Amino acid sequence: MPKDAAVEEFAGLVRALKARDGRSYEALGRRLSVSASTLHRYCSGATVPEEFAVVDRLALLCGADEEERRALEAAWTEADRARRRAASPAPTPVPAVSAAPESNPEPSAPEPGPGPAPDPTAPDPTAPDPTAPDPTAPEAPRARPRRGAPAPLLVVAAVALVVLALAAALLGHPTRTASAPAPASTAPGRTAAPLPFTWSIGSQLWEGGCGHTYLVDRAPRAVAPPPVAADSGAWAGTHGAVHGGEALVRITVQGRSPSDAVVLHALHVRVVDRAAPLPWNAYRMDHGCGGAITPRHFAVDLDRPRPLARPVDGLDASGAEVRKIPAVSFPYKVTSSDPEELLVSARTAGCDCRWYLELEWSAGGRTGTVRITDGGKPFRTSGTRGRPAYVHDSAEGRWITDSDSGQTG
């Protein structure tokens, strides 16, 4: 299948960066915390990264200037749109509704929108007016005024009609009362200063770019084949999937200034809810894959009463000798030209846990804590112990059990 033009253009820019730097896929992958095969797929156009942060980090490593980085981001945006269009099903066409011609002498009245909240102390506008005539009673024939009727009677009748019209208008349009909440206002002089850094997350990561387990509340025949790692977010959202056993979260932190560093002091874990593991089926995204590089990360045991983010060294086995990749140790400094990626591996065997992270920072005499969430919601990880596990048989195009595939655990 031919590649989309936007994807090919983006891949060409990535290839040019890699060629300019001259380092191998393995060497660049170590700096980016991705496998050599994943970086190769970016360069070939086989995969578009789900987030721009990893590509921006590559641009910085390869010495790209601001103009090149902006062009790279624009190309990634178009390629990402093409990837999403290819991954999403075609929308069902909706029959168009023809509009009424403008020459219609009797246009239909607009549909009434929601009105303001009713005041409990105000009279019910739907209650019958005791002073108004009964609408269900048959209308009495109107008496034609006699000629020569006294003028005072005509004046009284006109005044009565005006009073009734005003009453109907007031009852039909009740005014807002003081009980309606007023919009919140910011106290003068209390405008919050912007953060001296930016941060972004990736919450649908797979180990080595190819291995992950999701829990899905569906039978195997109702579950689509596993996606490529770059499309995992859309697949998980469509199936209502929850991370099974482990969730990998990547946090990219970048300062706003090239000279004024932001100091990162600590990373804390907060569990907001614990429940029994979900009784759903477990679906593995591959038959097992291994990588030459184990990235450095923070290990979190969600089953502990007070989980901690413990720094763990990475390992590089791509060369003749295994090399240790030192873990991130706090405090750590970031600037606009020297960002940092923090990889968190949160595991559980005995709970359906909802959790978030807190990152402590300081810069220029200011201090603060940033709450790291999954788009405003807690991250979610559930144990898979005892759950039916399935892998996808690509030859037969269906999900099969571990025992059928010859795998265990």
Protein backbone atom coordinates (compact mmCIF):
# COMPACT_ATOMS: atom_id res chain seq x y z
CA MET A 1 0.00 0.00 0.00
CA PRO A 2 1.63 3.35 -0.99
CA LYS A 3 2.53 5.72 1.83
CA ASP A 4 0.66 8.94 2.31
CA ALA A 5 2.54 11.94 0.88
CA ALA A 6 2.52 13.70 4.27
CA VAL A 7 3.96 10.61 5.98
CA GLU A 8 6.68 10.30 3.33
CA GLU A 9 7.60 13.99 3.68
CA PHE A 10 7.88 13.65 7.47
CA ALA A 11 9.96 10.47 7.19
CA GLY A 12 12.30 12.23 4.77
CA LEU A 13 12.96 15.00 7.31
CA VAL A 14 13.67 12.43 10.02
CA ARG A 15 16.05 10.55 7.71
CA ALA A 16 17.87 13.78 6.93
CA LEU A 17 18.37 14.49 10.64
CA LYS A 18 19.70 11.00 11.25
CA ALA A 19 22.06 11.21 8.26
CA ARG A 20 23.35 14.62 9.40
CA ASP A 21 24.16 13.30 12.89
CA GLY A 22 25.95 10.21 11.60
CA ARG A 23 25.29 8.05 14.66
CA SER A 24 23.77 4.60 14.37
CA TYR A 25 20.13 3.77 15.09
CA GLU A 26 21.24 2.07 18.31
CA ALA A 27 23.25 5.07 19.53
CA LEU A 28 20.47 7.57 18.81
CA GLY A 29 17.85 5.21 20.22
CA ARG A 30 19.72 5.08 23.54
CA ARG A 31 19.54 8.86 23.84
CA LEU A 32 15.84 8.88 22.95
CA SER A 33 14.87 5.86 25.12
CA VAL A 34 13.46 4.03 22.10
CA SER A 35 14.63 0.88 20.36
CA ALA A 36 16.72 0.96 17.20
CA SER A 37 13.91 -0.75 15.26
CA THR A 38 11.39 1.89 16.38
CA LEU A 39 13.67 4.72 15.22
CA HIS A 40 14.19 2.90 11.92
CA ARG A 41 10.39 2.72 11.42
CA TYR A 42 10.18 6.49 11.94
CA CYS A 43 12.86 7.04 9.27
CA SER A 44 11.27 4.64 6.79
CA GLY A 45 7.75 6.02 7.24
CA ALA A 46 6.40 2.68 8.46
CA THR A 47 5.29 4.34 11.71
CA VAL A 48 4.45 7.91 12.73
CA PRO A 49 5.25 8.74 16.38
CA GLU A 50 2.16 9.28 18.51
CA GLU A 51 3.75 12.39 20.06
CA PHE A 52 6.07 15.04 18.66
CA ALA A 53 8.23 15.16 21.81
CA VAL A 54 10.46 12.23 20.82
CA VAL A 55 11.04 13.70 17.34
CA ASP A 56 11.78 17.12 18.80
CA ARG A 57 14.33 15.50 21.10
CA LEU A 58 15.94 13.88 18.04
CA ALA A 59 16.08 17.28 16.31
CA LEU A 60 17.86 18.79 19.32
CA LEU A 61 20.36 15.93 19.44
CA CYS A 62 21.09 16.37 15.74
CA GLY A 63 21.64 20.15 16.03
CA ALA A 64 18.48 21.39 14.29
CA ASP A 65 17.74 25.12 14.62
CA GLU A 66 14.38 26.68 15.53
CA GLU A 67 13.23 27.02 11.92
CA GLU A 68 14.00 23.35 11.18
CA ARG A 69 12.18 22.26 14.33
CA ARG A 70 9.09 24.27 13.37
CA ALA A 71 9.12 22.74 9.90
CA LEU A 72 9.54 19.28 11.43
CA GLU A 73 6.59 19.84 13.78
CA ALA A 74 4.40 21.03 10.89
CA ALA A 75 5.32 17.93 8.88
CA TRP A 76 4.65 15.66 11.88
CA THR A 77 1.23 17.29 12.39
CA GLU A 78 0.19 16.51 8.80
CA ALA A 79 1.60 12.98 9.00
CA ASP A 80 -0.19 12.37 12.31
CA ARG A 81 -3.48 13.49 10.74
CA ALA A 82 -2.92 11.08 7.88
CA ARG A 83 -2.20 8.28 10.36
CA ARG A 84 -5.39 9.01 12.29
CA ARG A 85 -7.45 9.12 9.10
CA ALA A 86 -6.11 5.74 8.08
CA ALA A 87 -6.76 4.26 11.54
CA SER A 88 -10.31 5.59 12.02
CA PRO A 89 -13.28 3.99 10.22
CA ALA A 90 -15.08 5.99 7.57
CA PRO A 91 -18.01 7.95 9.02
CA THR A 92 -21.52 6.82 8.17
CA PRO A 93 -23.04 9.30 5.68
CA VAL A 94 -25.94 11.29 7.08
CA PRO A 95 -28.68 12.28 4.64
CA ALA A 96 -28.79 16.00 4.13
CA VAL A 97 -31.87 17.90 5.17
CA SER A 98 -33.03 20.42 2.60
CA ALA A 99 -33.64 23.86 3.94
CA ALA A 100 -36.99 25.55 3.47
CA PRO A 101 -37.06 28.10 0.62
CA GLU A 102 -36.71 31.69 1.70
CA SER A 103 -39.89 32.62 -0.16
CA ASN A 104 -42.07 30.56 2.18
CA PRO A 105 -44.61 33.05 3.55
CA GLU A 106 -45.11 31.05 6.76
CA PRO A 107 -41.69 30.07 8.20
CA SER A 108 -41.80 27.72 11.15
CA ALA A 109 -41.13 29.23 14.54
CA PRO A 110 -37.63 28.57 15.99
CA GLU A 111 -37.40 25.76 18.48
CA PRO A 112 -37.30 27.21 22.00
CA GLY A 113 -33.90 26.85 23.70
CA PRO A 114 -33.33 26.12 27.37
CA GLY A 115 -34.51 28.98 29.56
CA PRO A 116 -33.00 30.25 32.81
CA ALA A 117 -33.34 28.25 36.01
CA PRO A 118 -36.75 28.94 37.64
CA ASP A 119 -36.87 30.92 40.88
CA PRO A 120 -38.67 28.87 43.56
CA THR A 121 -40.16 32.09 44.98
CA ALA A 122 -41.44 33.31 41.62
CA PRO A 123 -44.92 32.33 40.42
CA ASP A 124 -45.11 29.33 38.13
CA PRO A 125 -45.47 30.66 34.59
CA THR A 126 -47.38 27.50 33.63
CA ALA A 127 -49.99 27.95 36.42
CA PRO A 128 -53.36 29.33 35.27
CA ASP A 129 -53.96 32.98 35.90
CA PRO A 130 -57.07 33.34 38.07
CA THR A 131 -57.74 36.70 36.46
CA ALA A 132 -57.48 35.33 32.92
CA PRO A 133 -60.45 33.78 31.13
CA ASP A 134 -60.72 29.99 31.01
CA PRO A 135 -59.11 28.87 27.71
CA THR A 136 -61.19 25.67 27.68
CA ALA A 137 -64.52 27.48 27.94
CA PRO A 138 -66.33 28.18 24.65
CA GLU A 139 -65.65 31.65 23.43
CA ALA A 140 -68.64 33.87 23.92
CA PRO A 141 -69.72 35.92 20.94
CA ARG A 142 -68.26 39.37 21.11
CA ALA A 143 -70.84 42.09 21.51
CA ARG A 144 -70.62 44.86 18.99
CA PRO A 145 -70.56 48.14 20.92
CA ARG A 146 -73.61 50.20 20.46
CA ARG A 147 -73.42 53.49 18.85
CA GLY A 148 -73.45 56.18 21.33
CA ALA A 149 -72.00 54.06 24.20
CA PRO A 150 -70.60 56.15 26.99
CA ALA A 151 -66.91 57.07 26.45
CA PRO A 152 -65.83 56.07 30.02
CA LEU A 153 -66.75 52.42 29.33
CA LEU A 154 -64.53 52.32 26.25
CA VAL A 155 -61.59 53.75 28.20
CA VAL A 156 -62.02 51.16 30.99
CA ALA A 157 -62.07 48.30 28.44
CA ALA A 158 -58.91 49.58 26.73
CA VAL A 159 -57.07 49.86 30.08
CA ALA A 160 -58.10 46.29 31.01
CA LEU A 161 -56.74 44.93 27.73
CA VAL A 162 -53.37 46.69 28.29
CA VAL A 163 -53.11 45.30 31.84
CA LEU A 164 -53.79 41.74 30.64
CA ALA A 165 -51.17 42.04 27.86
CA LEU A 166 -48.53 43.28 30.31
CA ALA A 167 -49.29 40.46 32.75
CA ALA A 168 -48.97 37.82 30.03
CA ALA A 169 -45.64 39.28 28.88
CA LEU A 170 -44.20 39.30 32.41
CA LEU A 171 -45.33 35.75 33.15
CA GLY A 172 -43.93 34.48 29.85
CA HIS A 173 -40.45 36.02 30.45
CA PRO A 174 -39.45 35.70 34.13
CA THR A 175 -36.42 37.78 35.04
CA ARG A 176 -33.21 36.36 36.54
CA THR A 177 -33.00 36.53 40.29
CA ALA A 178 -30.09 37.18 42.62
CA SER A 179 -29.93 33.44 43.41
CA ALA A 180 -28.23 32.72 40.06
CA PRO A 181 -24.47 32.22 40.61
CA ALA A 182 -22.32 35.05 39.36
CA PRO A 183 -19.23 34.24 37.32
CA ALA A 184 -16.08 33.91 39.38
CA SER A 185 -13.72 36.84 39.18
CA THR A 186 -10.00 36.90 39.73
CA ALA A 187 -8.87 38.99 42.63
CA PRO A 188 -6.81 42.02 41.53
CA GLY A 189 -3.08 41.42 41.69
CA ARG A 190 -3.43 37.61 41.93
CA THR A 191 -2.82 36.64 38.29
CA ALA A 192 -1.04 33.27 38.26
CA ALA A 193 2.37 33.34 36.61
CA PRO A 194 2.96 30.74 33.86
CA LEU A 195 5.12 27.72 34.59
CA PRO A 196 8.79 28.18 33.66
CA PHE A 197 8.66 24.87 31.77
CA THR A 198 6.37 22.75 29.61
CA TRP A 199 5.50 19.11 30.03
CA SER A 200 3.71 16.43 28.05
CA ILE A 201 2.98 12.75 28.54
CA GLY A 202 2.65 9.53 26.60
CA SER A 203 0.37 7.09 28.38
CA GLN A 204 -0.11 4.36 25.76
CA LEU A 205 3.45 3.04 25.57
CA TRP A 206 4.49 -0.56 24.98
CA GLU A 207 7.58 -2.24 26.36
CA GLY A 208 10.23 -2.16 23.66
CA GLY A 209 7.63 -0.66 21.34
CA CYS A 210 5.95 -4.02 20.78
CA GLY A 211 4.85 -5.74 24.02
CA HIS A 212 1.85 -4.82 26.16
CA THR A 213 -1.29 -6.30 27.76
CA TYR A 214 -4.74 -4.71 27.84
CA LEU A 215 -7.82 -5.77 29.79
CA VAL A 216 -11.00 -5.53 27.68
CA ASP A 217 -14.56 -6.34 28.69
CA ARG A 218 -15.34 -8.06 25.37
CA ALA A 219 -15.32 -11.56 23.94
CA PRO A 220 -12.43 -12.33 21.54
CA ARG A 221 -14.67 -12.20 18.45
CA ALA A 222 -15.61 -8.60 19.33
CA VAL A 223 -12.01 -7.39 19.68
CA ALA A 224 -10.12 -5.97 16.68
CA PRO A 225 -6.62 -7.21 15.82
CA PRO A 226 -3.78 -5.55 17.73
CA PRO A 227 -2.70 -2.20 16.28
CA VAL A 228 0.80 -0.90 15.73
CA ALA A 229 2.18 0.82 18.82
CA ALA A 230 1.64 4.30 17.37
CA ASP A 231 -2.13 3.62 17.09
CA SER A 232 -2.52 2.06 20.53
CA GLY A 233 -4.33 5.08 21.99
CA ALA A 234 -7.13 4.94 19.41
CA TRP A 235 -7.43 1.13 19.76
CA ALA A 236 -7.60 1.32 23.57
CA GLY A 237 -10.17 4.12 23.48
CA THR A 238 -12.42 2.26 21.05
CA HIS A 239 -12.37 -0.90 23.18
CA GLY A 240 -12.51 0.79 26.61
CA ALA A 241 -9.24 -0.98 27.41
CA VAL A 242 -7.33 -0.71 30.70
CA HIS A 243 -3.61 -1.34 31.14
CA GLY A 244 -3.13 -4.91 32.34
CA GLY A 245 -0.44 -5.54 34.95
CA GLU A 246 1.76 -2.60 33.92
CA ALA A 247 1.34 0.95 32.63
CA LEU A 248 4.23 2.84 31.05
CA VAL A 249 4.05 6.64 31.23
CA ARG A 250 6.63 8.92 29.62
CA ILE A 251 6.89 12.51 30.90
CA THR A 252 8.80 15.00 28.75
CA VAL A 253 9.88 18.16 30.60
CA GLN A 254 11.44 21.13 28.80
CA GLY A 255 12.41 24.56 30.14
CA ARG A 256 11.31 27.77 28.45
CA SER A 257 14.71 29.48 28.64
CA PRO A 258 18.07 28.29 27.25
CA SER A 259 19.94 29.77 30.22
CA ASP A 260 17.58 29.82 33.24
CA ALA A 261 17.39 26.19 34.35
CA VAL A 262 14.42 24.59 36.08
CA VAL A 263 15.35 22.18 38.84
CA LEU A 264 13.26 19.01 39.19
CA HIS A 265 13.44 17.81 42.80
CA ALA A 266 11.22 14.73 43.19
CA LEU A 267 8.50 12.58 41.63
CA HIS A 268 5.70 11.35 43.91
CA VAL A 269 2.95 8.74 43.35
CA ARG A 270 -0.61 9.25 44.65
CA VAL A 271 -3.13 6.39 44.53
CA VAL A 272 -6.66 7.81 44.66
CA ASP A 273 -8.67 4.58 44.40
CA ARG A 274 -8.11 0.84 44.92
CA ALA A 275 -10.58 -1.89 43.90
CA ALA A 276 -10.48 -5.58 43.09
CA PRO A 277 -8.79 -6.38 39.75
CA LEU A 278 -11.12 -6.16 36.77
CA PRO A 279 -12.75 -9.53 35.80
CA TRP A 280 -12.06 -8.93 32.10
CA ASN A 281 -10.16 -10.81 29.41
CA ALA A 282 -6.48 -10.06 28.93
CA TYR A 283 -5.28 -9.39 25.36
CA ARG A 284 -1.57 -9.40 24.59
CA MET A 285 -0.42 -7.23 21.76
CA ASP A 286 2.27 -9.65 20.55
CA HIS A 287 3.78 -13.09 21.04
CA GLY A 288 6.66 -11.62 23.02
CA CYS A 289 9.39 -9.31 21.82
CA GLY A 290 12.78 -8.48 23.14
CA GLY A 291 14.89 -5.41 22.67
CA ALA A 292 18.59 -4.77 22.99
CA ILE A 293 17.91 -1.70 25.14
CA THR A 294 16.11 -1.56 28.48
CA PRO A 295 15.57 2.17 29.13
CA ARG A 296 16.20 3.71 32.51
CA HIS A 297 12.96 4.32 34.34
CA PHE A 298 11.14 4.80 37.65
CA ALA A 299 9.60 1.61 38.99
CA VAL A 300 6.33 1.95 40.95
CA ASP A 301 4.74 -0.90 42.93
CA LEU A 302 1.07 0.10 43.14
CA ASP A 303 0.34 -2.79 45.52
CA ARG A 304 2.33 -1.13 48.31
CA PRO A 305 0.38 1.00 50.81
CA ARG A 306 2.48 4.07 49.90
CA PRO A 307 4.03 3.55 46.45
CA LEU A 308 7.31 5.26 45.64
CA ALA A 309 8.91 6.11 42.30
CA ARG A 310 12.21 4.20 42.55
CA PRO A 311 14.91 5.03 39.94
CA VAL A 312 16.16 1.97 38.02
CA ASP A 313 19.20 1.78 35.73
CA GLY A 314 18.74 0.83 32.10
CA LEU A 315 20.79 -1.71 30.13
CA ASP A 316 22.23 -1.52 26.62
CA ALA A 317 22.99 -4.94 25.13
CA SER A 318 23.29 -3.79 21.52
CA GLY A 319 27.11 -3.91 21.54
CA ALA A 320 29.70 -6.52 22.36
CA GLU A 321 29.37 -5.73 26.06
CA VAL A 322 26.32 -4.90 28.15
CA ARG A 323 26.45 -1.25 29.19
CA LYS A 324 24.56 0.29 32.10
CA ILE A 325 22.44 3.38 31.46
CA PRO A 326 22.47 5.37 34.74
CA ALA A 327 19.05 6.18 36.17
CA VAL A 328 17.80 9.75 36.50
CA SER A 329 18.74 11.02 39.94
CA PHE A 330 17.07 14.02 41.50
CA PRO A 331 17.61 16.93 41.57
CA TYR A 332 17.80 17.32 37.80
CA LYS A 333 18.03 20.48 35.66
CA VAL A 334 16.24 21.15 32.38
CA THR A 335 16.39 24.06 29.93
CA SER A 336 14.86 24.75 26.53
CA SER A 337 17.88 23.16 24.82
CA ASP A 338 18.27 20.27 27.28
CA PRO A 339 14.90 18.60 27.97
CA GLU A 340 14.48 15.38 29.91
CA GLU A 341 12.24 12.34 29.57
CA LEU A 342 11.09 10.50 32.69
CA LEU A 343 9.76 6.99 32.09
CA VAL A 344 7.51 5.51 34.79
CA SER A 345 6.65 1.80 34.98
CA ALA A 346 3.68 1.28 37.34
CA ARG A 347 2.86 -2.36 38.09
CA THR A 348 0.14 -4.14 40.05
CA ALA A 349 -1.01 -7.70 40.56
CA GLY A 350 -3.73 -7.26 43.17
CA CYS A 351 -5.76 -4.11 42.47
CA ASP A 352 -7.59 -1.98 39.96
CA CYS A 353 -5.66 1.18 40.84
CA ARG A 354 -6.27 4.77 39.79
CA TRP A 355 -3.27 7.01 40.37
CA TYR A 356 -1.44 10.16 39.35
CA LEU A 357 2.03 11.71 39.74
CA GLU A 358 3.32 14.92 41.31
CA LEU A 359 6.52 16.60 40.09
CA GLU A 360 8.27 19.05 42.44
CA TRP A 361 10.21 21.91 40.83
CA SER A 362 11.92 25.23 41.52
CA ALA A 363 13.18 28.06 39.31
CA GLY A 364 14.16 31.70 39.82
CA GLY A 365 13.10 31.79 43.47
CA ARG A 366 9.76 30.08 42.74
CA THR A 367 8.74 26.59 43.85
CA GLY A 368 5.78 24.43 42.99
CA THR A 369 4.28 21.02 42.32
CA VAL A 370 2.72 19.92 39.03
CA ARG A 371 0.10 17.18 38.99
CA ILE A 372 0.69 14.75 36.11
CA THR A 373 -2.55 13.09 34.96
CA ASP A 374 -3.91 11.33 31.89
CA GLY A 375 -5.71 14.23 30.27
CA GLY A 376 -7.15 15.43 33.59
CA LYS A 377 -8.08 11.91 34.77
CA PRO A 378 -6.03 9.51 36.92
CA PHE A 379 -4.01 6.81 35.21
CA ARG A 380 -5.51 3.32 35.58
CA THR A 381 -3.79 -0.06 35.91
CA SER A 382 -5.39 -3.39 36.88
CA GLY A 383 -3.90 -6.79 37.72
CA THR A 384 -4.30 -9.70 35.31
CA ARG A 385 -3.74 -12.65 37.64
CA GLY A 386 -6.19 -15.49 36.87
CA ARG A 387 -7.72 -13.75 33.87
CA PRO A 388 -8.13 -15.56 30.49
CA ALA A 389 -5.24 -14.43 28.28
CA TYR A 390 -5.35 -14.21 24.49
CA VAL A 391 -2.82 -13.56 21.73
CA HIS A 392 -3.61 -12.82 18.10
CA ASP A 393 -2.94 -15.44 15.45
CA SER A 394 -2.17 -13.35 12.37
CA ALA A 395 -2.27 -16.40 10.09
CA GLU A 396 -5.85 -17.27 11.06
CA GLY A 397 -6.88 -13.69 11.80
CA ARG A 398 -8.35 -14.40 15.24
CA TRP A 399 -7.56 -14.28 18.95
CA ILE A 400 -6.46 -17.58 20.51
CA THR A 401 -5.66 -18.58 24.09
CA ASP A 402 -2.15 -18.92 25.46
CA SER A 403 -2.53 -22.68 25.58
CA ASP A 404 -3.47 -22.76 21.90
CA SER A 405 -0.45 -20.64 21.01
CA GLY A 406 1.99 -22.67 23.10
CA GLN A 407 2.71 -19.79 25.49
CA THR A 408 2.15 -19.66 29.22
CA GLY A 409 1.88 -16.92 31.82
